[in-house]
N, C-alpha and C. Protein backbone atom coordinates (compact mmCIF):
# COMPACT_ATOMS: atom_id res chain seq x y z
N MET A 1 1.12 -1.20 -0.08
CA MET A 1 0.13 0.03 -0.20
C MET A 1 1.17 1.35 0.19
N ARG A 2 1.92 1.10 0.44
CA ARG A 2 3.35 2.66 0.76
C ARG A 2 3.37 2.40 -0.73
N ARG A 3 3.78 1.45 -1.36
CA ARG A 3 4.24 1.45 -2.86
C ARG A 3 3.30 2.39 -3.69
N LEU A 4 2.00 1.80 -3.62
CA LEU A 4 0.92 2.07 -4.61
C LEU A 4 0.79 3.49 -4.01
N ARG A 5 1.29 4.32 -2.89
CA ARG A 5 0.50 5.31 -2.56
C ARG A 5 1.79 6.22 -3.16
N ARG A 6 2.99 5.98 -2.95
CA ARG A 6 3.86 6.75 -3.58
C ARG A 6 3.85 6.61 -5.41
N SER A 7 3.32 5.80 -5.74
CA SER A 7 2.76 5.69 -7.14
C SER A 7 1.94 6.89 -7.70
N LEU A 8 0.72 6.82 -6.54
CA LEU A 8 -0.41 7.99 -6.65
C LEU A 8 0.27 9.41 -6.32
N ALA A 9 0.67 9.35 -5.53
CA ALA A 9 1.44 10.76 -5.06
C ALA A 9 2.26 11.39 -6.61
N ALA A 10 3.33 10.49 -6.97
CA ALA A 10 3.92 10.84 -8.54
C ALA A 10 3.38 11.37 -9.41
N ALA A 11 2.23 10.63 -9.57
CA ALA A 11 0.77 10.82 -10.62
C ALA A 11 -0.25 11.85 -10.43
N ALA A 12 -0.22 12.17 -9.32
CA ALA A 12 -1.26 13.54 -8.92
C ALA A 12 -0.46 14.36 -8.30
N PRO A 13 0.37 15.49 -8.71
CA PRO A 13 1.21 16.29 -7.73
C PRO A 13 0.35 17.33 -7.19
N ASP A 14 -0.87 17.38 -7.94
CA ASP A 14 -2.00 18.65 -7.25
C ASP A 14 -3.06 18.01 -6.53
N ALA A 15 -2.69 16.82 -6.09
CA ALA A 15 -4.07 16.15 -5.64
C ALA A 15 -4.43 17.05 -4.11
N GLY A 16 -3.30 17.23 -3.35
CA GLY A 16 -3.68 18.29 -1.99
C GLY A 16 -4.74 19.34 -2.26
N PHE A 17 -4.29 20.39 -3.42
CA PHE A 17 -4.93 21.70 -3.99
C PHE A 17 -6.40 20.59 -4.19
N ARG A 18 -6.83 19.60 -5.13
CA ARG A 18 -7.78 19.27 -5.70
C ARG A 18 -8.80 18.73 -4.17
N ALA A 19 -8.41 18.12 -3.14
CA ALA A 19 -8.72 17.61 -2.00
C ALA A 19 -9.37 18.71 -1.73
N ALA A 20 -8.63 19.78 -1.11
CA ALA A 20 -8.84 20.91 -0.50
C ALA A 20 -9.87 21.68 -1.03
N GLU A 21 -9.85 21.94 -2.42
CA GLU A 21 -11.59 22.31 -3.15
C GLU A 21 -12.36 21.72 -3.16
N ALA A 22 -12.47 20.36 -2.98
CA ALA A 22 -13.19 19.30 -2.72
C ALA A 22 -13.72 19.56 -1.45
N LEU A 23 -13.58 19.71 -0.37
CA LEU A 23 -14.05 19.78 1.23
C LEU A 23 -15.19 20.72 1.37
N PRO A 24 -16.39 20.11 1.42
CA PRO A 24 -17.51 21.18 1.87
C PRO A 24 -17.49 21.77 3.05
N LEU A 25 -16.81 23.09 3.50
CA LEU A 25 -16.54 23.12 4.97
C LEU A 25 -17.52 23.22 6.05
N GLU A 26 -18.96 23.45 5.42
CA GLU A 26 -19.80 23.31 6.57
C GLU A 26 -20.06 21.87 6.86
N ALA A 27 -19.42 20.88 6.47
CA ALA A 27 -19.47 19.49 6.85
C ALA A 27 -18.63 19.35 7.91
N LEU A 28 -17.96 20.31 8.49
CA LEU A 28 -17.10 19.85 9.39
C LEU A 28 -17.71 20.62 10.39
N PRO A 29 -17.70 20.13 12.25
CA PRO A 29 -18.22 20.76 13.18
C PRO A 29 -17.12 22.23 13.55
N ASP A 30 -17.72 23.24 13.91
CA ASP A 30 -17.10 24.09 14.54
C ASP A 30 -15.79 23.67 15.11
N GLY A 31 -14.62 24.80 15.78
CA GLY A 31 -13.58 24.55 16.23
C GLY A 31 -12.28 24.39 15.71
N PRO A 32 -11.48 23.92 16.57
CA PRO A 32 -10.01 24.08 15.84
C PRO A 32 -9.93 22.78 14.79
N VAL A 33 -9.10 22.67 13.96
CA VAL A 33 -8.92 21.55 13.13
C VAL A 33 -7.31 21.11 12.85
N ALA A 34 -7.15 20.02 13.47
CA ALA A 34 -5.77 19.46 13.63
C ALA A 34 -5.64 18.66 11.94
N VAL A 35 -4.26 19.20 11.83
CA VAL A 35 -4.18 18.41 10.24
C VAL A 35 -2.72 17.63 10.75
N TYR A 36 -1.85 17.35 9.66
CA TYR A 36 -0.37 16.76 9.97
C TYR A 36 0.45 17.37 9.24
N TYR A 37 1.82 16.95 9.29
CA TYR A 37 3.00 17.28 8.60
C TYR A 37 3.26 16.44 7.51
N ALA A 38 2.84 16.38 6.36
CA ALA A 38 3.07 14.94 5.48
C ALA A 38 4.37 14.59 5.44
N GLN A 39 4.63 13.10 5.50
CA GLN A 39 5.77 12.40 5.27
C GLN A 39 6.02 11.87 4.31
N GLY A 40 6.89 11.67 3.63
CA GLY A 40 6.98 10.84 2.44
C GLY A 40 5.86 11.26 1.17
N SER A 41 5.25 9.92 1.09
CA SER A 41 4.25 10.48 0.09
C SER A 41 2.63 10.55 0.58
N GLU A 42 2.57 10.97 1.78
CA GLU A 42 1.20 11.24 2.20
C GLU A 42 0.62 12.17 1.62
N LEU A 43 -0.68 12.19 1.38
CA LEU A 43 -1.21 13.53 0.93
C LEU A 43 -1.23 14.92 1.65
N ASP A 44 -0.28 15.91 1.03
CA ASP A 44 -0.16 17.23 1.88
C ASP A 44 -1.44 17.48 2.32
N PRO A 45 -1.40 17.86 3.55
CA PRO A 45 -2.69 18.84 3.69
C PRO A 45 -2.58 20.03 4.03
N THR A 46 -1.28 20.64 3.43
CA THR A 46 -1.19 22.42 3.24
C THR A 46 -2.17 22.92 3.01
N PRO A 47 -2.51 22.48 1.48
CA PRO A 47 -3.73 23.38 0.77
C PRO A 47 -4.96 23.63 1.65
N LEU A 48 -5.19 22.46 2.37
CA LEU A 48 -6.24 22.31 2.77
C LEU A 48 -6.33 23.44 4.40
N ALA A 49 -5.14 23.43 4.82
CA ALA A 49 -4.89 24.21 6.21
C ALA A 49 -5.16 25.50 5.78
N GLU A 50 -4.52 25.74 4.55
CA GLU A 50 -4.69 27.32 4.25
C GLU A 50 -5.80 27.85 3.92
N ARG A 51 -7.00 26.91 3.15
CA ARG A 51 -8.13 26.88 3.33
C ARG A 51 -8.94 27.16 4.34
N LEU A 52 -8.69 26.15 5.46
CA LEU A 52 -9.24 26.48 6.96
C LEU A 52 -8.82 27.40 7.61
N ALA A 53 -7.36 28.38 7.37
CA ALA A 53 -7.09 29.33 8.03
C ALA A 53 -7.90 30.37 7.68
N ALA A 54 -7.81 30.36 5.96
CA ALA A 54 -8.80 31.57 5.47
C ALA A 54 -10.13 31.88 5.89
N ALA A 55 -10.58 30.63 6.51
CA ALA A 55 -11.99 30.55 6.95
C ALA A 55 -12.43 30.78 8.06
N GLY A 56 -10.99 31.45 8.73
CA GLY A 56 -10.89 31.71 10.06
C GLY A 56 -11.02 30.40 11.29
N ARG A 57 -10.35 29.41 10.68
CA ARG A 57 -10.38 28.25 11.46
C ARG A 57 -9.02 28.15 12.30
N THR A 58 -8.96 27.97 13.51
CA THR A 58 -7.83 27.67 14.26
C THR A 58 -6.93 26.16 13.65
N VAL A 59 -5.69 26.53 13.09
CA VAL A 59 -5.24 25.32 12.85
C VAL A 59 -4.23 24.55 13.73
N ALA A 60 -4.08 23.67 13.64
CA ALA A 60 -3.09 22.81 14.64
C ALA A 60 -2.17 21.85 14.20
N LEU A 61 -1.14 21.47 14.44
CA LEU A 61 -0.31 20.19 14.20
C LEU A 61 -0.26 19.17 15.23
N PRO A 62 0.25 17.60 15.50
CA PRO A 62 0.25 17.28 16.23
C PRO A 62 1.67 17.44 16.47
N ALA A 63 2.35 17.10 17.91
CA ALA A 63 3.50 16.96 18.48
C ALA A 63 3.64 15.76 19.42
N ALA A 64 4.38 14.51 18.88
CA ALA A 64 4.42 13.21 19.73
C ALA A 64 5.51 13.61 20.73
N GLN A 65 4.97 13.28 22.14
CA GLN A 65 5.61 13.56 23.23
C GLN A 65 6.57 12.25 23.68
N ALA A 66 6.13 11.12 23.23
CA ALA A 66 7.10 9.93 23.41
C ALA A 66 6.49 9.03 22.12
N ARG A 67 7.51 7.96 22.00
CA ARG A 67 7.03 6.98 20.86
C ARG A 67 6.45 6.14 20.77
N ASP A 68 5.59 5.83 22.04
CA ASP A 68 4.49 5.27 22.39
C ASP A 68 3.28 5.90 22.98
N GLY A 69 3.38 7.06 23.23
CA GLY A 69 2.30 8.03 23.86
C GLY A 69 1.42 8.52 22.32
N ARG A 70 0.18 9.46 23.25
CA ARG A 70 -0.41 10.29 22.69
C ARG A 70 0.06 11.56 22.08
N LEU A 71 -0.63 11.73 20.99
CA LEU A 71 0.00 13.01 20.47
C LEU A 71 -0.89 14.48 21.33
N GLN A 72 -0.13 15.25 21.20
CA GLN A 72 -0.72 16.77 21.53
C GLN A 72 -0.74 17.67 20.21
N PHE A 73 -1.90 18.18 20.43
CA PHE A 73 -1.92 19.38 19.48
C PHE A 73 -1.77 20.83 19.44
N ARG A 74 -0.67 21.43 18.87
CA ARG A 74 -0.19 22.88 19.36
C ARG A 74 -0.90 23.55 18.23
N ARG A 75 -1.33 24.97 18.07
CA ARG A 75 -1.89 25.84 17.08
C ARG A 75 -0.49 26.13 16.23
N TRP A 76 -0.72 25.91 14.98
CA TRP A 76 0.39 26.53 13.86
C TRP A 76 -0.45 27.19 12.88
N ARG A 77 0.34 28.30 12.76
CA ARG A 77 0.33 29.23 11.33
C ARG A 77 1.16 28.69 10.73
N ILE A 78 0.53 28.92 9.53
CA ILE A 78 1.34 28.21 8.13
C ILE A 78 2.62 29.51 7.85
N GLY A 79 3.54 28.27 7.67
CA GLY A 79 5.19 29.55 7.62
C GLY A 79 5.88 29.54 9.08
N GLU A 80 5.07 29.39 10.03
CA GLU A 80 5.74 29.37 11.21
C GLU A 80 6.95 28.33 11.70
N ALA A 81 7.96 28.57 12.15
CA ALA A 81 9.01 27.35 12.17
C ALA A 81 8.62 26.21 13.09
N LEU A 82 8.99 25.07 12.65
CA LEU A 82 8.66 23.57 13.57
C LEU A 82 10.01 23.10 13.94
N GLU A 83 10.05 22.28 14.84
CA GLU A 83 11.29 21.64 15.17
C GLU A 83 10.75 19.92 15.03
N ALA A 84 11.85 19.17 15.28
CA ALA A 84 11.39 17.73 15.60
C ALA A 84 10.67 17.19 17.01
N ASP A 85 9.59 16.64 16.62
CA ASP A 85 9.08 16.16 17.97
C ASP A 85 9.90 14.79 18.24
N ALA A 86 9.42 13.82 19.25
CA ALA A 86 9.87 12.76 19.65
C ALA A 86 10.02 11.69 18.96
N VAL A 87 9.39 11.63 17.60
CA VAL A 87 9.58 10.28 16.77
C VAL A 87 9.94 11.17 14.95
N GLY A 88 10.52 12.66 15.51
CA GLY A 88 11.43 13.14 14.40
C GLY A 88 10.54 14.08 13.13
N VAL A 89 9.09 13.91 13.38
CA VAL A 89 8.31 14.61 12.76
C VAL A 89 8.29 15.95 12.93
N PRO A 90 8.13 17.27 11.98
CA PRO A 90 8.36 18.64 12.53
C PRO A 90 7.02 18.68 13.23
N ALA A 91 6.91 19.43 14.14
CA ALA A 91 6.18 20.26 14.79
C ALA A 91 6.17 21.39 15.50
N PRO A 92 4.92 22.09 15.79
CA PRO A 92 5.31 23.29 17.04
C PRO A 92 6.00 23.42 17.82
N GLY A 93 7.03 23.74 18.20
CA GLY A 93 7.49 24.17 19.61
C GLY A 93 6.48 23.81 20.80
N ALA A 94 7.45 23.69 22.25
CA ALA A 94 6.69 23.30 23.18
C ALA A 94 5.71 24.68 23.48
N ALA A 95 6.63 26.04 23.28
CA ALA A 95 5.88 27.05 23.80
C ALA A 95 4.67 27.51 22.92
N ALA A 96 4.11 26.63 21.88
CA ALA A 96 3.32 26.84 21.07
C ALA A 96 1.69 26.45 21.91
N GLU A 97 0.83 27.33 21.45
CA GLU A 97 -0.34 26.93 22.12
C GLU A 97 -0.94 25.78 22.25
N ALA A 98 -1.46 24.90 23.08
CA ALA A 98 -2.04 23.17 23.23
C ALA A 98 -3.54 23.80 22.52
N VAL A 99 -4.08 22.75 21.90
CA VAL A 99 -5.03 22.97 21.49
C VAL A 99 -6.12 21.64 21.31
N THR A 100 -7.18 21.95 21.60
CA THR A 100 -8.09 20.40 21.89
C THR A 100 -9.00 20.54 20.50
N PRO A 101 -8.59 19.94 19.54
CA PRO A 101 -9.38 19.69 18.20
C PRO A 101 -10.55 19.42 18.04
N ARG A 102 -11.77 19.55 17.42
CA ARG A 102 -12.79 19.18 17.01
C ARG A 102 -13.14 18.50 15.97
N VAL A 103 -12.29 18.95 14.88
CA VAL A 103 -11.64 17.90 14.00
C VAL A 103 -10.50 17.50 13.73
N VAL A 104 -9.98 16.45 13.47
CA VAL A 104 -8.90 15.76 13.31
C VAL A 104 -8.73 15.17 11.89
N VAL A 105 -7.64 15.79 11.34
CA VAL A 105 -7.35 15.42 9.99
C VAL A 105 -5.90 14.35 9.94
N THR A 106 -6.58 12.84 9.48
CA THR A 106 -5.39 11.68 9.39
C THR A 106 -4.56 11.58 8.39
N PRO A 107 -3.75 11.35 8.51
CA PRO A 107 -3.10 10.38 7.19
C PRO A 107 -3.52 9.04 6.97
N LEU A 108 -3.23 8.41 5.91
CA LEU A 108 -3.49 7.08 5.59
C LEU A 108 -2.93 6.31 4.75
N VAL A 109 -2.79 5.18 4.97
CA VAL A 109 -1.82 4.12 4.27
C VAL A 109 -3.07 3.81 3.06
N ALA A 110 -4.16 3.24 4.01
CA ALA A 110 -5.37 2.64 3.01
C ALA A 110 -6.84 3.09 3.88
N TYR A 111 -7.45 3.14 3.44
CA TYR A 111 -9.12 3.47 3.99
C TYR A 111 -10.37 2.25 3.59
N ASP A 112 -11.17 2.34 3.95
CA ASP A 112 -12.48 1.36 3.32
C ASP A 112 -13.72 2.45 3.64
N ALA A 113 -14.44 2.36 2.72
CA ALA A 113 -15.79 3.03 3.05
C ALA A 113 -16.70 3.22 3.94
N ARG A 114 -16.55 1.97 5.14
CA ARG A 114 -17.19 2.25 6.56
C ARG A 114 -16.06 2.73 7.47
N GLY A 115 -15.15 3.58 6.99
CA GLY A 115 -14.32 4.40 7.95
C GLY A 115 -13.08 3.57 8.41
N GLY A 116 -12.76 2.35 8.34
CA GLY A 116 -11.72 1.78 8.69
C GLY A 116 -10.37 2.51 7.98
N ARG A 117 -9.18 2.47 9.01
CA ARG A 117 -8.18 3.43 8.52
C ARG A 117 -6.56 2.20 8.89
N LEU A 118 -6.04 2.48 8.03
CA LEU A 118 -4.75 2.00 8.57
C LEU A 118 -4.09 3.26 8.06
N GLY A 119 -2.92 3.20 9.06
CA GLY A 119 -2.08 4.11 9.46
C GLY A 119 -0.76 3.95 9.18
N GLN A 120 0.55 4.71 10.23
CA GLN A 120 1.92 4.19 9.80
C GLN A 120 1.85 3.06 10.50
N GLY A 121 1.15 2.73 11.51
CA GLY A 121 1.30 1.52 12.37
C GLY A 121 2.25 1.69 13.82
N GLY A 122 2.01 3.18 14.40
CA GLY A 122 2.79 3.35 15.60
C GLY A 122 1.82 3.53 16.85
N GLY A 123 0.29 3.35 16.05
CA GLY A 123 -0.83 3.76 17.39
C GLY A 123 -1.17 5.13 17.82
N HIS A 124 -0.50 6.14 17.09
CA HIS A 124 -0.36 7.12 17.93
C HIS A 124 -1.78 8.08 17.67
N TYR A 125 -2.35 7.99 16.34
CA TYR A 125 -3.73 8.34 16.52
C TYR A 125 -4.68 7.46 16.80
N ASP A 126 -4.45 6.29 17.00
CA ASP A 126 -5.70 5.41 17.54
C ASP A 126 -5.73 5.93 19.16
N ARG A 127 -4.40 5.79 19.83
CA ARG A 127 -4.46 6.03 21.40
C ARG A 127 -4.85 7.47 21.21
N THR A 128 -4.75 8.25 20.47
CA THR A 128 -4.92 9.92 20.84
C THR A 128 -6.77 10.16 20.54
N LEU A 129 -6.97 9.74 19.37
CA LEU A 129 -8.31 9.90 19.04
C LEU A 129 -9.18 9.22 20.12
N GLU A 130 -9.09 7.93 20.82
CA GLU A 130 -9.64 7.39 22.06
C GLU A 130 -9.73 8.05 23.16
N ASN A 131 -8.79 8.97 23.55
CA ASN A 131 -8.48 9.99 24.72
C ASN A 131 -9.48 11.18 23.87
N LEU A 132 -9.36 11.83 23.06
CA LEU A 132 -10.47 12.97 22.72
C LEU A 132 -11.70 12.30 22.73
N ARG A 133 -11.95 11.15 22.07
CA ARG A 133 -13.18 10.94 21.93
C ARG A 133 -13.93 10.86 23.22
N ALA A 134 -13.09 10.32 24.37
CA ALA A 134 -13.70 10.01 25.57
C ALA A 134 -14.01 11.54 26.29
N ALA A 135 -13.47 12.58 25.77
CA ALA A 135 -13.91 13.66 26.21
C ALA A 135 -14.99 14.70 25.90
N GLY A 136 -15.16 13.95 24.81
CA GLY A 136 -16.22 14.88 23.81
C GLY A 136 -15.93 14.45 22.27
N PRO A 137 -16.92 14.76 21.38
CA PRO A 137 -17.03 14.44 19.85
C PRO A 137 -15.84 15.08 19.41
N VAL A 138 -15.53 14.41 18.41
CA VAL A 138 -14.38 14.78 17.53
C VAL A 138 -14.62 14.14 16.17
N PHE A 139 -14.57 14.72 15.25
CA PHE A 139 -14.77 14.32 13.80
C PHE A 139 -13.30 14.07 13.14
N VAL A 140 -13.55 12.78 12.87
CA VAL A 140 -12.29 12.21 12.26
C VAL A 140 -12.52 12.20 10.44
N LEU A 141 -11.37 12.98 10.00
CA LEU A 141 -11.58 13.08 8.31
C LEU A 141 -10.26 12.65 8.05
N GLY A 142 -10.13 11.35 7.68
CA GLY A 142 -9.10 10.69 6.66
C GLY A 142 -8.80 11.46 5.18
N LEU A 143 -7.39 11.75 5.22
CA LEU A 143 -7.05 12.59 4.04
C LEU A 143 -5.92 11.30 3.25
N ALA A 144 -6.56 11.26 1.78
CA ALA A 144 -5.45 10.25 1.03
C ALA A 144 -5.90 10.45 -0.22
N TYR A 145 -5.05 9.69 -1.04
CA TYR A 145 -5.30 9.56 -2.35
C TYR A 145 -6.79 8.68 -2.82
N ALA A 146 -7.61 8.63 -3.79
CA ALA A 146 -8.72 8.11 -3.93
C ALA A 146 -8.58 6.49 -4.15
N GLY A 147 -7.17 6.51 -4.57
CA GLY A 147 -6.44 5.26 -5.47
C GLY A 147 -5.98 4.39 -3.91
N GLN A 148 -6.48 4.89 -2.86
CA GLN A 148 -5.73 4.13 -1.36
C GLN A 148 -7.06 3.39 -1.14
N ALA A 149 -7.95 3.39 -1.38
CA ALA A 149 -9.35 2.60 -0.97
C ALA A 149 -9.17 1.42 -1.21
N VAL A 150 -9.55 0.44 0.18
CA VAL A 150 -9.50 -0.80 -0.12
C VAL A 150 -10.99 -1.41 0.17
N ASP A 151 -11.15 -2.68 -0.21
CA ASP A 151 -12.87 -3.46 0.13
C ASP A 151 -13.10 -3.18 1.76
N GLU A 152 -12.24 -3.74 2.23
CA GLU A 152 -12.12 -3.81 3.84
C GLU A 152 -10.42 -3.77 4.78
N ILE A 153 -10.98 -3.06 5.59
CA ILE A 153 -9.64 -2.78 6.56
C ILE A 153 -9.95 -3.76 7.43
N PRO A 154 -9.43 -4.70 8.04
CA PRO A 154 -9.44 -5.42 9.33
C PRO A 154 -9.38 -4.89 10.51
N MET A 155 -10.59 -4.35 11.27
CA MET A 155 -10.65 -3.51 12.70
C MET A 155 -10.28 -4.50 13.78
N GLU A 156 -9.69 -4.00 14.69
CA GLU A 156 -9.25 -4.67 15.82
C GLU A 156 -10.15 -3.32 17.08
N PRO A 157 -10.33 -3.78 18.69
CA PRO A 157 -11.17 -3.19 18.94
C PRO A 157 -10.82 -1.89 19.41
N HIS A 158 -9.44 -1.56 19.58
CA HIS A 158 -8.76 -0.24 19.75
C HIS A 158 -8.52 1.05 18.57
N ASP A 159 -8.73 -0.21 17.35
CA ASP A 159 -9.08 0.84 15.92
C ASP A 159 -10.13 2.04 16.21
N GLN A 160 -9.83 2.88 16.04
CA GLN A 160 -10.62 3.99 15.76
C GLN A 160 -10.95 5.03 14.52
N ARG A 161 -12.51 4.79 14.28
CA ARG A 161 -12.94 4.57 12.78
C ARG A 161 -12.75 6.35 12.10
N LEU A 162 -12.84 6.10 10.85
CA LEU A 162 -13.19 7.83 10.35
C LEU A 162 -14.58 8.30 10.15
N ASP A 163 -14.80 9.25 10.25
CA ASP A 163 -16.18 10.10 10.43
C ASP A 163 -16.53 10.23 8.62
N ALA A 164 -15.40 10.67 7.84
CA ALA A 164 -15.27 10.69 6.84
C ALA A 164 -14.18 10.57 6.25
N ILE A 165 -14.13 10.88 4.51
CA ILE A 165 -12.73 10.73 3.54
C ILE A 165 -12.85 11.81 2.91
N LEU A 166 -11.76 12.38 2.58
CA LEU A 166 -11.62 13.43 1.49
C LEU A 166 -10.42 13.23 0.82
N THR A 167 -10.49 12.99 -0.63
CA THR A 167 -9.61 12.56 -1.81
C THR A 167 -9.66 13.86 -2.76
N GLU A 168 -8.25 13.54 -3.66
CA GLU A 168 -8.83 14.56 -4.82
C GLU A 168 -9.80 14.31 -5.47
N ALA A 169 -10.84 13.00 -5.63
CA ALA A 169 -11.88 13.02 -6.05
C ALA A 169 -13.14 13.24 -5.46
N GLY A 170 -12.79 13.93 -4.09
CA GLY A 170 -14.21 14.22 -3.52
C GLY A 170 -14.10 13.89 -1.74
N TYR A 171 -15.36 14.22 -1.42
CA TYR A 171 -15.62 14.10 0.15
C TYR A 171 -16.79 13.35 0.04
N GLN A 172 -16.32 12.22 1.38
CA GLN A 172 -17.17 10.73 1.18
C GLN A 172 -17.44 10.77 3.01
N PRO A 173 -18.79 11.03 3.28
CA PRO A 173 -18.74 10.66 4.53
C PRO A 173 -19.06 9.03 4.73
N VAL A 174 -18.66 8.54 5.87
CA VAL A 174 -18.49 7.09 6.15
C VAL A 174 -20.11 6.53 6.23
N GLU A 175 -20.01 5.51 5.70
CA GLU A 175 -21.52 4.68 5.85
C GLU A 175 -21.45 4.16 7.43
N LYS A 176 -22.45 4.66 7.96
CA LYS A 176 -22.64 4.04 9.25
C LYS A 176 -23.33 2.68 9.59
N ASP A 177 -22.92 1.72 10.09
CA ASP A 177 -23.46 0.17 10.33
C ASP A 177 -24.88 0.49 11.17
């Protein structure tokens, strides 16, 4: 799936812009939105972050505090300096304002129409989303290339489902069981 994602990224360098334009902003709950810093061939959420910021939304990035812990979200303004977090991903520094997002945009290796998501395998998002959802409603938006869809992602009890998927081909709410 990672190899497929690399080929999809190479074939569609404008996918991030097309995905950002495809999002109906009214589909998202009000409040801060957490995006991610794209690694490798992950779909770049920067155009989405720019659109959200232009619409007056607070944008945040995750910061890992430990290799096996939950993520903390910190306010981020596009263009601000970032530093490596505990897993080496660029993130706002410790002095940045902590934010509790109402919307979390997650990167994906694969997804299915029922909200199953396959991430990078570290469990950071599953642990974080479980914690956030225990405190209140959180809308989880998977950001991926349309070609990353699979028939079914095997889910374990701790896996957190998506509420919707955004790709360069459009926005799709998850089919609820």
